[in-house]
Amino acid sequence: VAGKVYRPRMFRSLKNDHLYREGREELDEGGHRLYKDRDLKAIQKRSNYGRQVMHTSWLEHEYATLQRLHAAGVEVPRPYTTGHNAILMDYIGDEDMPAPPLAYIHLDREEALSLYQRVVRNIELMLAHDRIHADLSACNILYCEGDIWLIDFPQAIEPEANPSAYRIFQRDVVRVCEYFTRHGVRSQPYRLAADL
């Protein structure tokens, strides 16, 4: 298993996090919707306490997204549990080292085409289950012995709830296509995004 440990500093540096929070419910430590006025007001004011609540909500959104997508058959690590500041999930890699991001892998054209088709299938499956990764690129796809896993979902959005969803989705598709273009796979990212 692997533990993804969240550090509050990593969220302070996330640019435009409001873009991903639009239309999203805030979640408590148990993954339930926040109803307490005190918590919601603290988030609005971005007080120290409000930032802690946002941090917890960010983690719980990633965990819930991983659960949903794994159950739907999307190629993501299986999530097991979440704690105060971490998510426990499948470890991807071998005994010596974790799987590297696809961005660091050079593929021949045949393998690149096969993996491109798998990534597009995963994107389509995520959409079918009301999720857009919102930061998808070859940096957030792990590669190990010809297999892939999509990772890092705290910013994932629901297409119907977020008014910027199409723009964010299109950016994901373009980034993925740009990577595979460098490996000889021809695509039309804007048309693909529109078709999906």
N, C-alpha and C. Protein backbone atom coordinates (compact mmCIF):
# COMPACT_ATOMS: atom_id res chain seq x y z
N VAL A 1 0.84 -1.20 0.00
CA VAL A 1 0.00 0.00 0.00
C VAL A 1 0.88 1.24 0.00
N ALA A 2 0.30 2.35 -0.37
CA ALA A 2 0.99 3.64 -0.37
C ALA A 2 0.13 4.65 0.38
N GLY A 3 0.77 5.56 1.05
CA GLY A 3 0.06 6.63 1.74
C GLY A 3 0.33 7.95 1.06
N LYS A 4 -0.71 8.65 0.68
CA LYS A 4 -0.56 10.01 0.15
C LYS A 4 -0.80 10.95 1.31
N VAL A 5 0.23 11.61 1.75
CA VAL A 5 0.14 12.51 2.90
C VAL A 5 -0.03 13.93 2.39
N TYR A 6 -1.05 14.58 2.89
CA TYR A 6 -1.32 15.96 2.51
C TYR A 6 -0.60 16.91 3.45
N ARG A 7 -0.03 17.91 2.90
CA ARG A 7 0.60 18.96 3.70
C ARG A 7 -0.13 20.26 3.44
N PRO A 8 -0.51 20.98 4.50
CA PRO A 8 -1.26 22.23 4.30
C PRO A 8 -0.58 23.20 3.35
N ARG A 9 0.75 23.26 3.34
CA ARG A 9 1.45 24.20 2.48
C ARG A 9 1.15 23.94 1.01
N MET A 10 0.94 22.68 0.65
CA MET A 10 0.72 22.39 -0.76
C MET A 10 -0.59 23.00 -1.24
N PHE A 11 -1.54 23.21 -0.34
CA PHE A 11 -2.81 23.79 -0.75
C PHE A 11 -2.74 25.31 -0.79
N ARG A 12 -1.91 25.90 0.05
CA ARG A 12 -1.76 27.35 0.04
C ARG A 12 -1.17 27.82 -1.28
N SER A 13 -0.37 26.97 -1.91
CA SER A 13 0.27 27.38 -3.16
C SER A 13 -0.54 27.03 -4.40
N LEU A 14 -1.65 26.31 -4.26
CA LEU A 14 -2.47 25.96 -5.41
C LEU A 14 -3.12 27.21 -5.96
N LYS A 15 -2.80 27.53 -7.19
CA LYS A 15 -3.35 28.74 -7.80
C LYS A 15 -4.78 28.49 -8.24
N ASN A 16 -5.60 29.48 -8.06
CA ASN A 16 -6.99 29.46 -8.54
C ASN A 16 -7.79 28.26 -8.03
N ASP A 17 -7.59 27.89 -6.76
CA ASP A 17 -8.35 26.74 -6.25
C ASP A 17 -9.85 27.01 -6.28
N HIS A 18 -10.24 28.28 -6.29
CA HIS A 18 -11.68 28.61 -6.37
C HIS A 18 -12.29 28.07 -7.67
N LEU A 19 -11.48 27.97 -8.72
CA LEU A 19 -11.95 27.45 -10.00
C LEU A 19 -12.46 26.02 -9.85
N TYR A 20 -11.77 25.23 -9.01
CA TYR A 20 -12.14 23.83 -8.81
C TYR A 20 -13.23 23.68 -7.75
N ARG A 21 -13.35 24.65 -6.87
CA ARG A 21 -14.33 24.58 -5.80
C ARG A 21 -15.73 25.04 -6.24
N GLU A 22 -15.82 25.69 -7.37
CA GLU A 22 -17.12 26.18 -7.84
C GLU A 22 -18.11 25.03 -7.97
N GLY A 23 -19.25 25.17 -7.32
CA GLY A 23 -20.29 24.16 -7.41
C GLY A 23 -20.05 22.93 -6.57
N ARG A 24 -18.96 22.91 -5.81
CA ARG A 24 -18.59 21.74 -5.02
C ARG A 24 -19.05 21.91 -3.58
N GLU A 25 -19.58 20.83 -3.02
CA GLU A 25 -19.94 20.84 -1.60
C GLU A 25 -18.68 20.64 -0.77
N GLU A 26 -18.61 21.31 0.35
CA GLU A 26 -17.48 21.10 1.27
C GLU A 26 -17.79 19.87 2.11
N LEU A 27 -16.76 19.06 2.38
CA LEU A 27 -16.94 17.80 3.11
C LEU A 27 -16.19 17.83 4.44
N ASP A 28 -16.75 17.11 5.42
CA ASP A 28 -16.07 17.00 6.72
C ASP A 28 -15.14 15.80 6.72
N GLU A 29 -14.52 15.53 7.86
CA GLU A 29 -13.54 14.46 7.97
C GLU A 29 -14.11 13.08 7.66
N GLY A 30 -15.40 12.90 7.77
CA GLY A 30 -16.02 11.62 7.45
C GLY A 30 -16.51 11.54 6.02
N GLY A 31 -16.27 12.62 5.24
CA GLY A 31 -16.72 12.65 3.85
C GLY A 31 -18.17 13.08 3.69
N HIS A 32 -18.77 13.63 4.76
CA HIS A 32 -20.15 14.08 4.70
C HIS A 32 -20.20 15.58 4.41
N ARG A 33 -21.28 16.00 3.81
CA ARG A 33 -21.46 17.42 3.47
C ARG A 33 -21.45 18.28 4.73
N LEU A 34 -20.73 19.40 4.66
CA LEU A 34 -20.69 20.34 5.79
C LEU A 34 -21.98 21.16 5.84
N TYR A 35 -22.57 21.22 7.02
CA TYR A 35 -23.78 22.02 7.21
C TYR A 35 -23.58 23.14 8.22
N LYS A 36 -22.57 23.02 9.06
CA LYS A 36 -22.39 23.98 10.14
C LYS A 36 -22.03 25.35 9.59
N ASP A 37 -22.83 26.35 9.99
CA ASP A 37 -22.58 27.72 9.55
C ASP A 37 -21.19 28.18 9.93
N ARG A 38 -20.75 27.79 11.13
CA ARG A 38 -19.43 28.20 11.62
C ARG A 38 -18.33 27.76 10.66
N ASP A 39 -18.42 26.52 10.20
CA ASP A 39 -17.41 26.00 9.28
C ASP A 39 -17.48 26.69 7.92
N LEU A 40 -18.68 26.87 7.42
CA LEU A 40 -18.85 27.49 6.10
C LEU A 40 -18.40 28.95 6.11
N LYS A 41 -18.70 29.66 7.19
CA LYS A 41 -18.25 31.05 7.30
C LYS A 41 -16.74 31.14 7.44
N ALA A 42 -16.14 30.22 8.16
CA ALA A 42 -14.69 30.20 8.31
C ALA A 42 -14.01 29.97 6.96
N ILE A 43 -14.63 29.14 6.13
CA ILE A 43 -14.09 28.90 4.79
C ILE A 43 -14.17 30.18 3.97
N GLN A 44 -15.32 30.86 4.03
CA GLN A 44 -15.48 32.11 3.28
C GLN A 44 -14.45 33.15 3.69
N LYS A 45 -14.19 33.24 4.99
CA LYS A 45 -13.24 34.23 5.50
C LYS A 45 -11.79 33.80 5.31
N ARG A 46 -11.60 32.52 5.00
CA ARG A 46 -10.26 31.95 4.86
C ARG A 46 -9.40 32.17 6.11
N SER A 47 -10.06 32.00 7.23
CA SER A 47 -9.34 32.07 8.51
C SER A 47 -8.46 30.83 8.64
N ASN A 48 -7.63 30.79 9.67
CA ASN A 48 -6.79 29.60 9.88
C ASN A 48 -7.67 28.36 10.02
N TYR A 49 -8.73 28.48 10.81
CA TYR A 49 -9.64 27.36 10.97
C TYR A 49 -10.32 27.02 9.64
N GLY A 50 -10.70 28.04 8.90
CA GLY A 50 -11.33 27.83 7.59
C GLY A 50 -10.43 27.10 6.62
N ARG A 51 -9.13 27.43 6.66
CA ARG A 51 -8.17 26.73 5.81
C ARG A 51 -8.04 25.26 6.21
N GLN A 52 -8.13 24.98 7.51
CA GLN A 52 -8.08 23.58 7.96
C GLN A 52 -9.29 22.81 7.45
N VAL A 53 -10.45 23.45 7.52
CA VAL A 53 -11.68 22.82 7.04
C VAL A 53 -11.58 22.57 5.53
N MET A 54 -11.05 23.55 4.79
CA MET A 54 -10.88 23.40 3.34
C MET A 54 -9.89 22.27 3.03
N HIS A 55 -8.85 22.19 3.81
CA HIS A 55 -7.84 21.15 3.63
C HIS A 55 -8.47 19.76 3.79
N THR A 56 -9.27 19.60 4.83
CA THR A 56 -9.96 18.33 5.07
C THR A 56 -10.91 18.02 3.92
N SER A 57 -11.64 19.04 3.47
CA SER A 57 -12.59 18.85 2.38
C SER A 57 -11.88 18.44 1.10
N TRP A 58 -10.75 19.04 0.83
CA TRP A 58 -9.95 18.73 -0.36
C TRP A 58 -9.56 17.25 -0.35
N LEU A 59 -9.06 16.78 0.79
CA LEU A 59 -8.64 15.38 0.95
C LEU A 59 -9.84 14.45 0.78
N GLU A 60 -10.94 14.77 1.42
CA GLU A 60 -12.13 13.91 1.34
C GLU A 60 -12.70 13.85 -0.07
N HIS A 61 -12.59 14.96 -0.81
CA HIS A 61 -13.04 14.93 -2.21
C HIS A 61 -12.19 13.98 -3.04
N GLU A 62 -10.89 13.99 -2.81
CA GLU A 62 -10.03 13.08 -3.57
C GLU A 62 -10.37 11.63 -3.24
N TYR A 63 -10.54 11.34 -1.96
CA TYR A 63 -10.85 9.98 -1.55
C TYR A 63 -12.18 9.51 -2.15
N ALA A 64 -13.21 10.36 -2.08
CA ALA A 64 -14.52 10.00 -2.64
C ALA A 64 -14.44 9.81 -4.15
N THR A 65 -13.65 10.64 -4.81
CA THR A 65 -13.48 10.51 -6.26
C THR A 65 -12.78 9.20 -6.60
N LEU A 66 -11.71 8.88 -5.87
CA LEU A 66 -11.02 7.61 -6.10
C LEU A 66 -11.95 6.42 -5.90
N GLN A 67 -12.77 6.46 -4.86
CA GLN A 67 -13.72 5.37 -4.61
C GLN A 67 -14.68 5.21 -5.78
N ARG A 68 -15.25 6.32 -6.20
CA ARG A 68 -16.23 6.30 -7.28
C ARG A 68 -15.60 5.79 -8.58
N LEU A 69 -14.43 6.31 -8.91
CA LEU A 69 -13.81 5.95 -10.18
C LEU A 69 -13.28 4.51 -10.18
N HIS A 70 -12.73 4.10 -9.06
CA HIS A 70 -12.25 2.71 -8.99
C HIS A 70 -13.42 1.74 -9.15
N ALA A 71 -14.52 2.02 -8.49
CA ALA A 71 -15.71 1.16 -8.60
C ALA A 71 -16.25 1.13 -10.04
N ALA A 72 -16.02 2.22 -10.77
CA ALA A 72 -16.51 2.31 -12.15
C ALA A 72 -15.56 1.66 -13.16
N GLY A 73 -14.39 1.23 -12.70
CA GLY A 73 -13.44 0.59 -13.59
C GLY A 73 -12.40 1.51 -14.20
N VAL A 74 -12.35 2.75 -13.73
CA VAL A 74 -11.30 3.66 -14.20
C VAL A 74 -9.97 3.17 -13.62
N GLU A 75 -8.91 3.29 -14.38
CA GLU A 75 -7.60 2.81 -13.96
C GLU A 75 -6.96 3.81 -12.99
N VAL A 76 -7.34 3.66 -11.72
CA VAL A 76 -6.81 4.47 -10.62
C VAL A 76 -6.39 3.51 -9.51
N PRO A 77 -5.48 3.95 -8.62
CA PRO A 77 -5.15 3.08 -7.49
C PRO A 77 -6.39 2.85 -6.62
N ARG A 78 -6.52 1.64 -6.10
CA ARG A 78 -7.65 1.32 -5.22
C ARG A 78 -7.45 2.08 -3.90
N PRO A 79 -8.44 2.89 -3.50
CA PRO A 79 -8.34 3.58 -2.21
C PRO A 79 -8.84 2.68 -1.09
N TYR A 80 -8.17 2.72 0.06
CA TYR A 80 -8.57 1.87 1.18
C TYR A 80 -9.21 2.65 2.31
N THR A 81 -8.58 3.73 2.71
CA THR A 81 -9.14 4.52 3.81
C THR A 81 -8.49 5.90 3.80
N THR A 82 -9.08 6.76 4.58
CA THR A 82 -8.53 8.10 4.75
C THR A 82 -8.42 8.37 6.23
N GLY A 83 -7.42 9.13 6.59
CA GLY A 83 -7.23 9.50 7.98
C GLY A 83 -7.13 11.00 8.11
N HIS A 84 -6.61 11.44 9.22
CA HIS A 84 -6.55 12.88 9.50
C HIS A 84 -5.89 13.67 8.37
N ASN A 85 -4.85 13.14 7.79
CA ASN A 85 -4.10 13.92 6.82
C ASN A 85 -3.58 13.08 5.66
N ALA A 86 -4.19 11.92 5.40
CA ALA A 86 -3.64 11.03 4.37
C ALA A 86 -4.71 10.12 3.78
N ILE A 87 -4.39 9.59 2.60
CA ILE A 87 -5.19 8.57 1.95
C ILE A 87 -4.31 7.34 1.77
N LEU A 88 -4.84 6.19 2.16
CA LEU A 88 -4.13 4.93 1.97
C LEU A 88 -4.71 4.26 0.73
N MET A 89 -3.83 3.87 -0.20
CA MET A 89 -4.27 3.31 -1.48
C MET A 89 -3.26 2.29 -1.97
N ASP A 90 -3.58 1.64 -3.09
CA ASP A 90 -2.65 0.70 -3.70
C ASP A 90 -1.33 1.38 -4.02
N TYR A 91 -0.26 0.65 -3.80
CA TYR A 91 1.08 1.08 -4.20
C TYR A 91 1.26 0.65 -5.65
N ILE A 92 1.74 1.56 -6.47
CA ILE A 92 1.98 1.25 -7.88
C ILE A 92 3.49 1.30 -8.11
N GLY A 93 4.07 0.17 -8.47
CA GLY A 93 5.50 0.09 -8.70
C GLY A 93 6.00 -1.29 -8.39
N ASP A 94 7.32 -1.41 -8.23
CA ASP A 94 7.89 -2.71 -7.88
C ASP A 94 8.61 -2.60 -6.54
N GLU A 95 9.33 -3.66 -6.17
CA GLU A 95 10.01 -3.68 -4.87
C GLU A 95 11.04 -2.57 -4.72
N ASP A 96 11.65 -2.17 -5.83
CA ASP A 96 12.74 -1.21 -5.78
C ASP A 96 12.30 0.25 -5.81
N MET A 97 11.26 0.53 -6.55
CA MET A 97 10.84 1.94 -6.66
C MET A 97 9.41 2.07 -7.15
N PRO A 98 8.79 3.21 -6.82
CA PRO A 98 7.43 3.44 -7.30
C PRO A 98 7.41 3.68 -8.80
N ALA A 99 6.25 3.47 -9.40
CA ALA A 99 6.09 3.69 -10.83
C ALA A 99 6.30 5.17 -11.15
N PRO A 100 7.02 5.45 -12.22
CA PRO A 100 7.25 6.85 -12.60
C PRO A 100 6.04 7.42 -13.34
N PRO A 101 5.95 8.75 -13.37
CA PRO A 101 4.92 9.37 -14.21
C PRO A 101 5.20 9.10 -15.68
N LEU A 102 4.17 8.99 -16.46
CA LEU A 102 4.28 8.76 -17.90
C LEU A 102 5.14 9.83 -18.56
N ALA A 103 5.16 11.03 -18.01
CA ALA A 103 5.94 12.13 -18.58
C ALA A 103 7.42 11.80 -18.70
N TYR A 104 7.92 10.87 -17.89
CA TYR A 104 9.34 10.51 -17.90
C TYR A 104 9.64 9.27 -18.72
N ILE A 105 8.64 8.77 -19.42
CA ILE A 105 8.79 7.53 -20.18
C ILE A 105 8.82 7.84 -21.67
N HIS A 106 9.76 7.24 -22.37
CA HIS A 106 9.77 7.35 -23.83
C HIS A 106 9.11 6.08 -24.38
N LEU A 107 8.12 6.27 -25.20
CA LEU A 107 7.35 5.14 -25.76
C LEU A 107 7.59 5.03 -27.26
N ASP A 108 7.56 3.81 -27.77
CA ASP A 108 7.55 3.69 -29.23
C ASP A 108 6.12 3.99 -29.69
N ARG A 109 5.95 4.24 -30.97
CA ARG A 109 4.66 4.69 -31.48
C ARG A 109 3.54 3.70 -31.22
N GLU A 110 3.83 2.41 -31.36
CA GLU A 110 2.81 1.37 -31.16
C GLU A 110 2.28 1.36 -29.71
N GLU A 111 3.20 1.38 -28.76
CA GLU A 111 2.77 1.41 -27.36
C GLU A 111 2.09 2.73 -27.03
N ALA A 112 2.61 3.82 -27.58
CA ALA A 112 2.01 5.14 -27.33
C ALA A 112 0.56 5.16 -27.81
N LEU A 113 0.30 4.61 -28.98
CA LEU A 113 -1.07 4.58 -29.52
C LEU A 113 -1.98 3.76 -28.61
N SER A 114 -1.51 2.61 -28.15
CA SER A 114 -2.30 1.77 -27.25
C SER A 114 -2.61 2.50 -25.94
N LEU A 115 -1.60 3.14 -25.37
CA LEU A 115 -1.81 3.85 -24.10
C LEU A 115 -2.69 5.09 -24.28
N TYR A 116 -2.54 5.77 -25.42
CA TYR A 116 -3.40 6.91 -25.72
C TYR A 116 -4.86 6.48 -25.73
N GLN A 117 -5.14 5.37 -26.39
CA GLN A 117 -6.52 4.88 -26.45
C GLN A 117 -7.04 4.52 -25.06
N ARG A 118 -6.17 3.96 -24.22
CA ARG A 118 -6.58 3.64 -22.85
C ARG A 118 -6.87 4.91 -22.04
N VAL A 119 -6.03 5.91 -22.20
CA VAL A 119 -6.25 7.17 -21.48
C VAL A 119 -7.57 7.80 -21.92
N VAL A 120 -7.82 7.83 -23.22
CA VAL A 120 -9.08 8.40 -23.72
C VAL A 120 -10.27 7.60 -23.18
N ARG A 121 -10.15 6.28 -23.14
CA ARG A 121 -11.22 5.44 -22.57
C ARG A 121 -11.46 5.79 -21.10
N ASN A 122 -10.38 6.03 -20.36
CA ASN A 122 -10.51 6.42 -18.95
C ASN A 122 -11.16 7.79 -18.80
N ILE A 123 -10.79 8.72 -19.66
CA ILE A 123 -11.40 10.05 -19.63
C ILE A 123 -12.91 9.93 -19.88
N GLU A 124 -13.26 9.13 -20.87
CA GLU A 124 -14.67 8.92 -21.20
C GLU A 124 -15.42 8.25 -20.05
N LEU A 125 -14.81 7.29 -19.42
CA LEU A 125 -15.42 6.60 -18.28
C LEU A 125 -15.58 7.55 -17.09
N MET A 126 -14.59 8.41 -16.87
CA MET A 126 -14.73 9.40 -15.80
C MET A 126 -15.92 10.32 -16.07
N LEU A 127 -16.04 10.78 -17.31
CA LEU A 127 -17.18 11.63 -17.66
C LEU A 127 -18.51 10.93 -17.42
N ALA A 128 -18.55 9.66 -17.79
CA ALA A 128 -19.78 8.87 -17.60
C ALA A 128 -20.15 8.75 -16.12
N HIS A 129 -19.16 8.96 -15.25
CA HIS A 129 -19.40 8.90 -13.80
C HIS A 129 -19.22 10.27 -13.14
N ASP A 130 -19.53 11.29 -13.92
CA ASP A 130 -19.61 12.68 -13.43
C ASP A 130 -18.33 13.23 -12.82
N ARG A 131 -17.21 12.94 -13.43
CA ARG A 131 -15.95 13.51 -12.95
C ARG A 131 -15.06 13.92 -14.11
N ILE A 132 -14.39 15.04 -13.90
CA ILE A 132 -13.33 15.53 -14.77
C ILE A 132 -12.10 15.64 -13.88
N HIS A 133 -10.99 15.13 -14.32
CA HIS A 133 -9.77 15.15 -13.50
C HIS A 133 -9.40 16.57 -13.12
N ALA A 134 -9.38 17.48 -14.09
CA ALA A 134 -9.11 18.91 -13.90
C ALA A 134 -7.63 19.26 -13.74
N ASP A 135 -6.75 18.29 -13.84
CA ASP A 135 -5.31 18.56 -13.88
C ASP A 135 -4.61 17.39 -14.56
N LEU A 136 -5.26 16.81 -15.56
CA LEU A 136 -4.72 15.61 -16.19
C LEU A 136 -3.62 15.97 -17.18
N SER A 137 -2.52 15.27 -17.04
CA SER A 137 -1.39 15.37 -17.96
C SER A 137 -0.57 14.11 -17.77
N ALA A 138 0.49 13.98 -18.54
CA ALA A 138 1.37 12.81 -18.40
C ALA A 138 2.05 12.78 -17.04
N CYS A 139 2.04 13.89 -16.32
CA CYS A 139 2.62 13.93 -14.96
C CYS A 139 1.71 13.25 -13.94
N ASN A 140 0.42 13.12 -14.25
CA ASN A 140 -0.54 12.52 -13.33
C ASN A 140 -1.04 11.16 -13.83
N ILE A 141 -0.21 10.52 -14.62
CA ILE A 141 -0.49 9.16 -15.08
C ILE A 141 0.77 8.35 -14.78
N LEU A 142 0.62 7.32 -13.96
CA LEU A 142 1.77 6.46 -13.64
C LEU A 142 1.89 5.37 -14.70
N TYR A 143 3.14 4.95 -14.94
CA TYR A 143 3.41 3.92 -15.93
C TYR A 143 4.25 2.83 -15.28
N CYS A 144 3.82 1.57 -15.43
CA CYS A 144 4.59 0.45 -14.88
C CYS A 144 4.35 -0.79 -15.74
N GLU A 145 5.39 -1.24 -16.38
CA GLU A 145 5.34 -2.47 -17.17
C GLU A 145 4.18 -2.50 -18.17
N GLY A 146 4.00 -1.41 -18.88
CA GLY A 146 2.98 -1.33 -19.91
C GLY A 146 1.59 -0.96 -19.42
N ASP A 147 1.42 -0.80 -18.12
CA ASP A 147 0.12 -0.41 -17.57
C ASP A 147 0.15 1.05 -17.10
N ILE A 148 -1.02 1.62 -16.99
CA ILE A 148 -1.15 3.01 -16.53
C ILE A 148 -2.15 3.10 -15.39
N TRP A 149 -1.99 4.14 -14.56
CA TRP A 149 -2.93 4.48 -13.49
C TRP A 149 -3.01 5.99 -13.44
N LEU A 150 -4.21 6.51 -13.41
CA LEU A 150 -4.41 7.95 -13.25
C LEU A 150 -4.37 8.26 -11.77
N ILE A 151 -3.71 9.36 -11.40
CA ILE A 151 -3.55 9.72 -9.99
C ILE A 151 -3.86 11.20 -9.78
N ASP A 152 -3.86 11.60 -8.53
CA ASP A 152 -4.00 13.00 -8.08
C ASP A 152 -5.34 13.62 -8.49
N PHE A 153 -6.35 13.38 -7.65
CA PHE A 153 -7.71 13.83 -7.94
C PHE A 153 -8.29 14.86 -6.96
N PRO A 154 -7.52 15.56 -6.14
CA PRO A 154 -8.18 16.45 -5.19
C PRO A 154 -8.97 17.59 -5.85
N GLN A 155 -8.53 18.01 -7.02
CA GLN A 155 -9.18 19.12 -7.72
C GLN A 155 -10.27 18.65 -8.68
N ALA A 156 -10.53 17.33 -8.75
CA ALA A 156 -11.53 16.81 -9.69
C ALA A 156 -12.86 17.52 -9.51
N ILE A 157 -13.54 17.72 -10.63
CA ILE A 157 -14.80 18.47 -10.60
C ILE A 157 -15.93 17.64 -11.20
N GLU A 158 -17.14 18.07 -10.89
CA GLU A 158 -18.34 17.49 -11.47
C GLU A 158 -18.74 18.35 -12.66
N PRO A 159 -18.89 17.77 -13.84
CA PRO A 159 -19.17 18.57 -15.03
C PRO A 159 -20.43 19.44 -14.93
N GLU A 160 -21.47 18.90 -14.32
CA GLU A 160 -22.73 19.65 -14.25
C GLU A 160 -22.72 20.76 -13.20
N ALA A 161 -21.84 20.64 -12.22
CA ALA A 161 -21.85 21.60 -11.10
C ALA A 161 -20.91 22.78 -11.31
N ASN A 162 -19.90 22.61 -12.12
CA ASN A 162 -18.87 23.64 -12.26
C ASN A 162 -19.06 24.39 -13.57
N PRO A 163 -19.28 25.71 -13.51
CA PRO A 163 -19.50 26.47 -14.74
C PRO A 163 -18.29 26.52 -15.67
N SER A 164 -17.11 26.24 -15.17
CA SER A 164 -15.89 26.25 -15.99
C SER A 164 -15.51 24.85 -16.48
N ALA A 165 -16.40 23.90 -16.31
CA ALA A 165 -16.08 22.49 -16.57
C ALA A 165 -15.57 22.23 -17.98
N TYR A 166 -16.22 22.79 -18.99
CA TYR A 166 -15.78 22.45 -20.35
C TYR A 166 -14.38 22.98 -20.63
N ARG A 167 -14.10 24.18 -20.20
CA ARG A 167 -12.77 24.78 -20.41
C ARG A 167 -11.70 23.93 -19.71
N ILE A 168 -11.99 23.50 -18.48
CA ILE A 168 -11.06 22.67 -17.70
C ILE A 168 -10.88 21.31 -18.38
N PHE A 169 -12.00 20.73 -18.82
CA PHE A 169 -11.96 19.43 -19.50
C PHE A 169 -11.13 19.51 -20.79
N GLN A 170 -11.38 20.54 -21.56
CA GLN A 170 -10.66 20.73 -22.81
C GLN A 170 -9.15 20.84 -22.55
N ARG A 171 -8.76 21.54 -21.50
CA ARG A 171 -7.35 21.67 -21.14
C ARG A 171 -6.75 20.29 -20.83
N ASP A 172 -7.48 19.46 -20.09
CA ASP A 172 -7.02 18.09 -19.80
C ASP A 172 -6.76 17.31 -21.09
N VAL A 173 -7.71 17.35 -21.99
CA VAL A 173 -7.61 16.59 -23.24
C VAL A 173 -6.43 17.09 -24.07
N VAL A 174 -6.26 18.40 -24.15
CA VAL A 174 -5.16 18.97 -24.93
C VAL A 174 -3.81 18.55 -24.34
N ARG A 175 -3.67 18.60 -23.03
CA ARG A 175 -2.40 18.19 -22.40
C ARG A 175 -2.07 16.73 -22.70
N VAL A 176 -3.06 15.87 -22.59
CA VAL A 176 -2.85 14.44 -22.87
C VAL A 176 -2.44 14.25 -24.33
N CYS A 177 -3.15 14.89 -25.23
CA CYS A 177 -2.85 14.75 -26.66
C CYS A 177 -1.46 15.29 -26.98
N GLU A 178 -1.06 16.38 -26.36
CA GLU A 178 0.27 16.95 -26.61
C GLU A 178 1.37 15.94 -26.25
N TYR A 179 1.20 15.26 -25.12
CA TYR A 179 2.19 14.26 -24.73
C TYR A 179 2.28 13.15 -25.79
N PHE A 180 1.14 12.61 -26.18
CA PHE A 180 1.15 11.49 -27.12
C PHE A 180 1.57 11.92 -28.52
N THR A 181 1.34 13.16 -28.89
CA THR A 181 1.81 13.67 -30.18
C THR A 181 3.33 13.58 -30.27
N ARG A 182 4.01 13.85 -29.16
CA ARG A 182 5.48 13.75 -29.14
C ARG A 182 5.96 12.32 -29.36
N HIS A 183 5.06 11.36 -29.24
CA HIS A 183 5.41 9.95 -29.44
C HIS A 183 4.77 9.38 -30.70
N GLY A 184 4.38 10.28 -31.61
CA GLY A 184 3.90 9.86 -32.92
C GLY A 184 2.43 9.59 -33.05
N VAL A 185 1.64 9.88 -32.03
CA VAL A 185 0.19 9.64 -32.11
C VAL A 185 -0.50 10.92 -32.58
N ARG A 186 -1.17 10.80 -33.69
CA ARG A 186 -1.89 11.96 -34.23
C ARG A 186 -3.27 12.05 -33.59
N SER A 187 -3.67 13.28 -33.29
CA SER A 187 -5.00 13.48 -32.70
C SER A 187 -5.47 14.89 -32.99
N GLN A 188 -6.73 15.10 -32.71
CA GLN A 188 -7.32 16.43 -32.83
C GLN A 188 -7.94 16.74 -31.47
N PRO A 189 -7.15 17.30 -30.54
CA PRO A 189 -7.61 17.43 -29.16
C PRO A 189 -8.89 18.24 -28.97
N TYR A 190 -9.05 19.33 -29.72
CA TYR A 190 -10.25 20.15 -29.52
C TYR A 190 -11.49 19.43 -30.04
N ARG A 191 -11.32 18.73 -31.15
CA ARG A 191 -12.44 17.94 -31.67
C ARG A 191 -12.75 16.77 -30.73
N LEU A 192 -11.69 16.11 -30.23
CA LEU A 192 -11.89 15.00 -29.30
C LEU A 192 -12.63 15.45 -28.05
N ALA A 193 -12.22 16.59 -27.50
CA ALA A 193 -12.91 17.13 -26.32
C ALA A 193 -14.38 17.39 -26.61
N ALA A 194 -14.66 17.99 -27.75
CA ALA A 194 -16.05 18.28 -28.12
C ALA A 194 -16.85 16.98 -28.31
N ASP A 195 -16.23 16.01 -28.96
CA ASP A 195 -16.92 14.72 -29.17
C ASP A 195 -17.22 14.01 -27.85
N LEU A 196 -16.24 14.03 -26.94
CA LEU A 196 -16.45 13.37 -25.64
C LEU A 196 -17.53 14.10 -24.86
